[in-house]
Amino acid sequence: MADKGEVASGDVQAEHWDVGDQSLLAATLAATPTQRIAWLEEALQLAYAAGALKPRRFISKEEWDAMGSSNL
């Protein structure tokens, strides 16, 4: 079993971290890319719902392409 201040990756954590923080860190580091994208989508939905982010206007493919070519 790992030491109290050590996570699955072997990195030593600060002694003042509680078990919940260490468990969250370990789960985050072990997450698959699909899980990370799901967390990001959930965080963005929460931020939009809370008003922390302004709703963005959907841009067409033509607008997207035009933005890319103007930056060259």
PDB file of N, CA and C in Angstrom:
ATOM      1  N   MET A   1       0.849  -1.181   0.000  1.00  0.00           N
ATOM      2  CA  MET A   1       0.000   0.000   0.000  1.00  0.00           C
ATOM      3  C   MET A   1       0.891   1.239   0.000  1.00  0.00           C
ATOM      4  N   ALA A   2       0.451   2.299  -0.656  1.00  0.00           N
ATOM      5  CA  ALA A   2       1.232   3.530  -0.790  1.00  0.00           C
ATOM      6  C   ALA A   2       1.282   4.284   0.536  1.00  0.00           C
ATOM      7  N   ASP A   3       2.333   5.089   0.679  1.00  0.00           N
ATOM      8  CA  ASP A   3       2.440   5.948   1.860  1.00  0.00           C
ATOM      9  C   ASP A   3       1.297   6.944   1.892  1.00  0.00           C
ATOM     10  N   LYS A   4       1.110   7.575   3.032  1.00  0.00           N
ATOM     11  CA  LYS A   4       0.032   8.545   3.231  1.00  0.00           C
ATOM     12  C   LYS A   4       0.115   9.714   2.244  1.00  0.00           C
ATOM     13  N   GLY A   5       1.302  10.206   1.947  1.00  0.00           N
ATOM     14  CA  GLY A   5       1.462  11.354   1.077  1.00  0.00           C
ATOM     15  C   GLY A   5       1.766  11.006  -0.360  1.00  0.00           C
ATOM     16  N   GLU A   6       1.512   9.772  -0.772  1.00  0.00           N
ATOM     17  CA  GLU A   6       1.872   9.349  -2.114  1.00  0.00           C
ATOM     18  C   GLU A   6       0.615   8.920  -2.877  1.00  0.00           C
ATOM     19  N   VAL A   7       0.520   9.309  -4.154  1.00  0.00           N
ATOM     20  CA  VAL A   7      -0.600   8.914  -4.987  1.00  0.00           C
ATOM     21  C   VAL A   7      -0.149   7.818  -5.929  1.00  0.00           C
ATOM     22  N   ALA A   8      -1.070   7.259  -6.706  1.00  0.00           N
ATOM     23  CA  ALA A   8      -0.782   6.126  -7.580  1.00  0.00           C
ATOM     24  C   ALA A   8       0.367   6.404  -8.543  1.00  0.00           C
ATOM     25  N   SER A   9       0.523   7.649  -8.989  1.00  0.00           N
ATOM     26  CA  SER A   9       1.590   7.983  -9.931  1.00  0.00           C
ATOM     27  C   SER A   9       2.956   8.001  -9.265  1.00  0.00           C
ATOM     28  N   GLY A  10       3.003   7.945  -7.947  1.00  0.00           N
ATOM     29  CA  GLY A  10       4.266   7.975  -7.234  1.00  0.00           C
ATOM     30  C   GLY A  10       4.672   9.364  -6.781  1.00  0.00           C
ATOM     31  N   ASP A  11       3.932  10.381  -7.184  1.00  0.00           N
ATOM     32  CA  ASP A  11       4.240  11.752  -6.787  1.00  0.00           C
ATOM     33  C   ASP A  11       3.831  11.965  -5.331  1.00  0.00           C
ATOM     34  N   VAL A  12       4.681  12.614  -4.584  1.00  0.00           N
ATOM     35  CA  VAL A  12       4.393  12.891  -3.180  1.00  0.00           C
ATOM     36  C   VAL A  12       3.554  14.160  -3.087  1.00  0.00           C
ATOM     37  N   GLN A  13       2.508  14.101  -2.268  1.00  0.00           N
ATOM     38  CA  GLN A  13       1.615  15.243  -2.082  1.00  0.00           C
ATOM     39  C   GLN A  13       1.904  15.894  -0.736  1.00  0.00           C
ATOM     40  N   ALA A  14       1.470  17.138  -0.624  1.00  0.00           N
ATOM     41  CA  ALA A  14       1.659  17.882   0.623  1.00  0.00           C
ATOM     42  C   ALA A  14       0.944  17.179   1.771  1.00  0.00           C
ATOM     43  N   GLU A  15       1.536  17.234   2.936  1.00  0.00           N
ATOM     44  CA  GLU A  15       0.976  16.557   4.113  1.00  0.00           C
ATOM     45  C   GLU A  15      -0.388  17.116   4.510  1.00  0.00           C
ATOM     46  N   HIS A  16      -0.656  18.407   4.207  1.00  0.00           N
ATOM     47  CA  HIS A  16      -1.908  19.016   4.662  1.00  0.00           C
ATOM     48  C   HIS A  16      -3.098  18.656   3.765  1.00  0.00           C
ATOM     49  N   TRP A  17      -2.880  17.931   2.690  1.00  0.00           N
ATOM     50  CA  TRP A  17      -4.002  17.513   1.838  1.00  0.00           C
ATOM     51  C   TRP A  17      -4.809  16.458   2.571  1.00  0.00           C
ATOM     52  N   ASP A  18      -6.144  16.606   2.520  1.00  0.00           N
ATOM     53  CA  ASP A  18      -6.960  15.579   3.156  1.00  0.00           C
ATOM     54  C   ASP A  18      -7.210  14.426   2.171  1.00  0.00           C
ATOM     55  N   VAL A  19      -7.806  13.379   2.657  1.00  0.00           N
ATOM     56  CA  VAL A  19      -8.024  12.168   1.867  1.00  0.00           C
ATOM     57  C   VAL A  19      -8.908  12.459   0.653  1.00  0.00           C
ATOM     58  N   GLY A  20      -9.906  13.314   0.812  1.00  0.00           N
ATOM     59  CA  GLY A  20     -10.796  13.647  -0.303  1.00  0.00           C
ATOM     60  C   GLY A  20     -10.054  14.329  -1.443  1.00  0.00           C
ATOM     61  N   ASP A  21      -9.168  15.274  -1.091  1.00  0.00           N
ATOM     62  CA  ASP A  21      -8.374  15.961  -2.115  1.00  0.00           C
ATOM     63  C   ASP A  21      -7.455  14.979  -2.832  1.00  0.00           C
ATOM     64  N   GLN A  22      -6.822  14.099  -2.077  1.00  0.00           N
ATOM     65  CA  GLN A  22      -5.916  13.122  -2.677  1.00  0.00           C
ATOM     66  C   GLN A  22      -6.677  12.149  -3.578  1.00  0.00           C
ATOM     67  N   SER A  23      -7.880  11.747  -3.162  1.00  0.00           N
ATOM     68  CA  SER A  23      -8.690  10.842  -3.974  1.00  0.00           C
ATOM     69  C   SER A  23      -9.128  11.518  -5.263  1.00  0.00           C
ATOM     70  N   LEU A  24      -9.510  12.786  -5.181  1.00  0.00           N
ATOM     71  CA  LEU A  24      -9.910  13.532  -6.370  1.00  0.00           C
ATOM     72  C   LEU A  24      -8.743  13.664  -7.338  1.00  0.00           C
ATOM     73  N   LEU A  25      -7.556  13.959  -6.815  1.00  0.00           N
ATOM     74  CA  LEU A  25      -6.371  14.070  -7.654  1.00  0.00           C
ATOM     75  C   LEU A  25      -6.071  12.738  -8.335  1.00  0.00           C
ATOM     76  N   ALA A  26      -6.116  11.655  -7.594  1.00  0.00           N
ATOM     77  CA  ALA A  26      -5.829  10.336  -8.154  1.00  0.00           C
ATOM     78  C   ALA A  26      -6.853   9.980  -9.240  1.00  0.00           C
ATOM     79  N   ALA A  27      -8.137  10.279  -9.001  1.00  0.00           N
ATOM     80  CA  ALA A  27      -9.173   9.992  -9.998  1.00  0.00           C
ATOM     81  C   ALA A  27      -8.987  10.841 -11.247  1.00  0.00           C
ATOM     82  N   THR A  28      -8.590  12.087 -11.056  1.00  0.00           N
ATOM     83  CA  THR A  28      -8.364  12.989 -12.186  1.00  0.00           C
ATOM     84  C   THR A  28      -7.198  12.510 -13.031  1.00  0.00           C
ATOM     85  N   LEU A  29      -6.123  12.112 -12.395  1.00  0.00           N
ATOM     86  CA  LEU A  29      -4.948  11.648 -13.130  1.00  0.00           C
ATOM     87  C   LEU A  29      -5.205  10.329 -13.847  1.00  0.00           C
ATOM     88  N   ALA A  30      -6.125   9.525 -13.327  1.00  0.00           N
ATOM     89  CA  ALA A  30      -6.424   8.226 -13.925  1.00  0.00           C
ATOM     90  C   ALA A  30      -7.535   8.304 -14.980  1.00  0.00           C
ATOM     91  N   ALA A  31      -8.129   9.471 -15.163  1.00  0.00           N
ATOM     92  CA  ALA A  31      -9.268   9.616 -16.075  1.00  0.00           C
ATOM     93  C   ALA A  31      -8.849   9.408 -17.527  1.00  0.00           C
ATOM     94  N   THR A  32      -9.755   8.821 -18.285  1.00  0.00           N
ATOM     95  CA  THR A  32      -9.525   8.638 -19.714  1.00  0.00           C
ATOM     96  C   THR A  32      -9.814   9.957 -20.438  1.00  0.00           C
ATOM     97  N   PRO A  33      -9.329  10.109 -21.652  1.00  0.00           N
ATOM     98  CA  PRO A  33      -9.645  11.321 -22.413  1.00  0.00           C
ATOM     99  C   PRO A  33     -11.151  11.542 -22.565  1.00  0.00           C
ATOM    100  N   THR A  34     -11.912  10.477 -22.739  1.00  0.00           N
ATOM    101  CA  THR A  34     -13.371  10.601 -22.858  1.00  0.00           C
ATOM    102  C   THR A  34     -13.975  11.161 -21.578  1.00  0.00           C
ATOM    103  N   GLN A  35     -13.488  10.704 -20.429  1.00  0.00           N
ATOM    104  CA  GLN A  35     -13.980  11.213 -19.151  1.00  0.00           C
ATOM    105  C   GLN A  35     -13.607  12.679 -18.977  1.00  0.00           C
ATOM    106  N   ARG A  36     -12.400  13.044 -19.387  1.00  0.00           N
ATOM    107  CA  ARG A  36     -11.966  14.436 -19.253  1.00  0.00           C
ATOM    108  C   ARG A  36     -12.812  15.366 -20.113  1.00  0.00           C
ATOM    109  N   ILE A  37     -13.145  14.938 -21.329  1.00  0.00           N
ATOM    110  CA  ILE A  37     -14.018  15.738 -22.204  1.00  0.00           C
ATOM    111  C   ILE A  37     -15.403  15.879 -21.577  1.00  0.00           C
ATOM    112  N   ALA A  38     -15.919  14.798 -21.000  1.00  0.00           N
ATOM    113  CA  ALA A  38     -17.235  14.854 -20.351  1.00  0.00           C
ATOM    114  C   ALA A  38     -17.214  15.842 -19.188  1.00  0.00           C
ATOM    115  N   TRP A  39     -16.143  15.847 -18.401  1.00  0.00           N
ATOM    116  CA  TRP A  39     -16.026  16.794 -17.285  1.00  0.00           C
ATOM    117  C   TRP A  39     -15.962  18.227 -17.804  1.00  0.00           C
ATOM    118  N   LEU A  40     -15.214  18.429 -18.884  1.00  0.00           N
ATOM    119  CA  LEU A  40     -15.100  19.762 -19.467  1.00  0.00           C
ATOM    120  C   LEU A  40     -16.457  20.247 -19.974  1.00  0.00           C
ATOM    121  N   GLU A  41     -17.190  19.375 -20.659  1.00  0.00           N
ATOM    122  CA  GLU A  41     -18.520  19.758 -21.153  1.00  0.00           C
ATOM    123  C   GLU A  41     -19.449  20.118 -20.000  1.00  0.00           C
ATOM    124  N   GLU A  42     -19.390  19.349 -18.930  1.00  0.00           N
ATOM    125  CA  GLU A  42     -20.233  19.628 -17.765  1.00  0.00           C
ATOM    126  C   GLU A  42     -19.848  20.963 -17.129  1.00  0.00           C
ATOM    127  N   ALA A  43     -18.556  21.231 -17.022  1.00  0.00           N
ATOM    128  CA  ALA A  43     -18.098  22.495 -16.450  1.00  0.00           C
ATOM    129  C   ALA A  43     -18.522  23.679 -17.311  1.00  0.00           C
ATOM    130  N   LEU A  44     -18.450  23.528 -18.633  1.00  0.00           N
ATOM    131  CA  LEU A  44     -18.881  24.600 -19.533  1.00  0.00           C
ATOM    132  C   LEU A  44     -20.383  24.842 -19.420  1.00  0.00           C
ATOM    133  N   GLN A  45     -21.170  23.765 -19.341  1.00  0.00           N
ATOM    134  CA  GLN A  45     -22.615  23.925 -19.181  1.00  0.00           C
ATOM    135  C   GLN A  45     -22.933  24.657 -17.880  1.00  0.00           C
ATOM    136  N   LEU A  46     -22.247  24.305 -16.819  1.00  0.00           N
ATOM    137  CA  LEU A  46     -22.451  24.969 -15.532  1.00  0.00           C
ATOM    138  C   LEU A  46     -22.059  26.438 -15.616  1.00  0.00           C
ATOM    139  N   ALA A  47     -20.940  26.731 -16.268  1.00  0.00           N
ATOM    140  CA  ALA A  47     -20.484  28.119 -16.400  1.00  0.00           C
ATOM    141  C   ALA A  47     -21.479  28.951 -17.211  1.00  0.00           C
ATOM    142  N   TYR A  48     -22.008  28.385 -18.294  1.00  0.00           N
ATOM    143  CA  TYR A  48     -23.021  29.105 -19.081  1.00  0.00           C
ATOM    144  C   TYR A  48     -24.293  29.315 -18.257  1.00  0.00           C
ATOM    145  N   ALA A  49     -24.730  28.277 -17.539  1.00  0.00           N
ATOM    146  CA  ALA A  49     -25.952  28.376 -16.737  1.00  0.00           C
ATOM    147  C   ALA A  49     -25.804  29.397 -15.615  1.00  0.00           C
ATOM    148  N   ALA A  50     -24.599  29.516 -15.068  1.00  0.00           N
ATOM    149  CA  ALA A  50     -24.350  30.451 -13.970  1.00  0.00           C
ATOM    150  C   ALA A  50     -24.123  31.879 -14.468  1.00  0.00           C
ATOM    151  N   GLY A  51     -23.967  32.029 -15.782  1.00  0.00           N
ATOM    152  CA  GLY A  51     -23.731  33.350 -16.335  1.00  0.00           C
ATOM    153  C   GLY A  51     -22.264  33.760 -16.329  1.00  0.00           C
ATOM    154  N   ALA A  52     -21.382  32.824 -15.998  1.00  0.00           N
ATOM    155  CA  ALA A  52     -19.958  33.134 -15.972  1.00  0.00           C
ATOM    156  C   ALA A  52     -19.384  33.269 -17.383  1.00  0.00           C
ATOM    157  N   LEU A  53     -20.018  32.620 -18.348  1.00  0.00           N
ATOM    158  CA  LEU A  53     -19.618  32.727 -19.754  1.00  0.00           C
ATOM    159  C   LEU A  53     -20.795  33.250 -20.559  1.00  0.00           C
ATOM    160  N   LYS A  54     -20.490  34.123 -21.508  1.00  0.00           N
ATOM    161  CA  LYS A  54     -21.546  34.618 -22.386  1.00  0.00           C
ATOM    162  C   LYS A  54     -21.826  33.575 -23.458  1.00  0.00           C
ATOM    163  N   PRO A  55     -23.089  33.388 -23.825  1.00  0.00           N
ATOM    164  CA  PRO A  55     -23.396  32.458 -24.914  1.00  0.00           C
ATOM    165  C   PRO A  55     -22.706  32.905 -26.203  1.00  0.00           C
ATOM    166  N   ARG A  56     -22.199  31.951 -26.932  1.00  0.00           N
ATOM    167  CA  ARG A  56     -21.511  32.247 -28.182  1.00  0.00           C
ATOM    168  C   ARG A  56     -22.437  31.984 -29.355  1.00  0.00           C
ATOM    169  N   ARG A  57     -22.265  32.781 -30.392  1.00  0.00           N
ATOM    170  CA  ARG A  57     -23.040  32.614 -31.609  1.00  0.00           C
ATOM    171  C   ARG A  57     -22.398  31.523 -32.444  1.00  0.00           C
ATOM    172  N   PHE A  58     -23.224  30.634 -32.991  1.00  0.00           N
ATOM    173  CA  PHE A  58     -22.717  29.584 -33.870  1.00  0.00           C
ATOM    174  C   PHE A  58     -22.229  30.220 -35.159  1.00  0.00           C
ATOM    175  N   ILE A  59     -21.032  29.852 -35.588  1.00  0.00           N
ATOM    176  CA  ILE A  59     -20.533  30.402 -36.844  1.00  0.00           C
ATOM    177  C   ILE A  59     -20.575  29.323 -37.919  1.00  0.00           C
ATOM    178  N   SER A  60     -20.801  29.752 -39.127  1.00  0.00           N
ATOM    179  CA  SER A  60     -20.895  28.810 -40.242  1.00  0.00           C
ATOM    180  C   SER A  60     -19.507  28.334 -40.648  1.00  0.00           C
ATOM    181  N   LYS A  61     -19.464  27.285 -41.428  1.00  0.00           N
ATOM    182  CA  LYS A  61     -18.186  26.769 -41.920  1.00  0.00           C
ATOM    183  C   LYS A  61     -17.470  27.818 -42.752  1.00  0.00           C
ATOM    184  N   GLU A  62     -18.229  28.578 -43.522  1.00  0.00           N
ATOM    185  CA  GLU A  62     -17.632  29.624 -44.358  1.00  0.00           C
ATOM    186  C   GLU A  62     -16.953  30.694 -43.496  1.00  0.00           C
ATOM    187  N   GLU A  63     -17.633  31.095 -42.392  1.00  0.00           N
ATOM    188  CA  GLU A  63     -17.041  32.074 -41.482  1.00  0.00           C
ATOM    189  C   GLU A  63     -15.778  31.518 -40.828  1.00  0.00           C
ATOM    190  N   TRP A  64     -15.835  30.254 -40.430  1.00  0.00           N
ATOM    191  CA  TRP A  64     -14.683  29.608 -39.803  1.00  0.00           C
ATOM    192  C   TRP A  64     -13.493  29.568 -40.768  1.00  0.00           C
ATOM    193  N   ASP A  65     -13.776  29.131 -41.993  1.00  0.00           N
ATOM    194  CA  ASP A  65     -12.722  29.069 -43.020  1.00  0.00           C
ATOM    195  C   ASP A  65     -12.136  30.445 -43.298  1.00  0.00           C
ATOM    196  N   ALA A  66     -12.993  31.462 -43.335  1.00  0.00           N
ATOM    197  CA  ALA A  66     -12.528  32.818 -43.615  1.00  0.00           C
ATOM    198  C   ALA A  66     -11.623  33.327 -42.483  1.00  0.00           C
ATOM    199  N   MET A  67     -11.938  32.974 -41.247  1.00  0.00           N
ATOM    200  CA  MET A  67     -11.112  33.411 -40.121  1.00  0.00           C
ATOM    201  C   MET A  67      -9.731  32.763 -40.185  1.00  0.00           C
ATOM    202  N   GLY A  68      -9.692  31.509 -40.589  1.00  0.00           N
ATOM    203  CA  GLY A  68      -8.416  30.813 -40.666  1.00  0.00           C
ATOM    204  C   GLY A  68      -7.514  31.352 -41.763  1.00  0.00           C
ATOM    205  N   SER A  69      -8.089  31.699 -42.889  1.00  0.00           N
ATOM    206  CA  SER A  69      -7.261  32.169 -44.008  1.00  0.00           C
ATOM    207  C   SER A  69      -6.796  33.613 -43.805  1.00  0.00           C
ATOM    208  N   SER A  70      -7.518  34.388 -43.018  1.00  0.00           N
ATOM    209  CA  SER A  70      -7.120  35.788 -42.802  1.00  0.00           C
ATOM    210  C   SER A  70      -5.943  35.910 -41.833  1.00  0.00           C
ATOM    211  N   ASN A  71      -5.700  34.853 -41.029  1.00  0.00           N
ATOM    212  CA  ASN A  71      -4.615  34.896 -40.057  1.00  0.00           C
ATOM    213  C   ASN A  71      -3.268  34.490 -40.645  1.00  0.00           C
ATOM    214  N   LEU A  72      -3.229  34.080 -41.887  1.00  0.00           N
ATOM    215  CA  LEU A  72      -1.971  33.629 -42.487  1.00  0.00           C
ATOM    216  C   LEU A  72      -1.136  34.741 -42.931  1.00  0.00           C
TER     217      LEU A  72
END
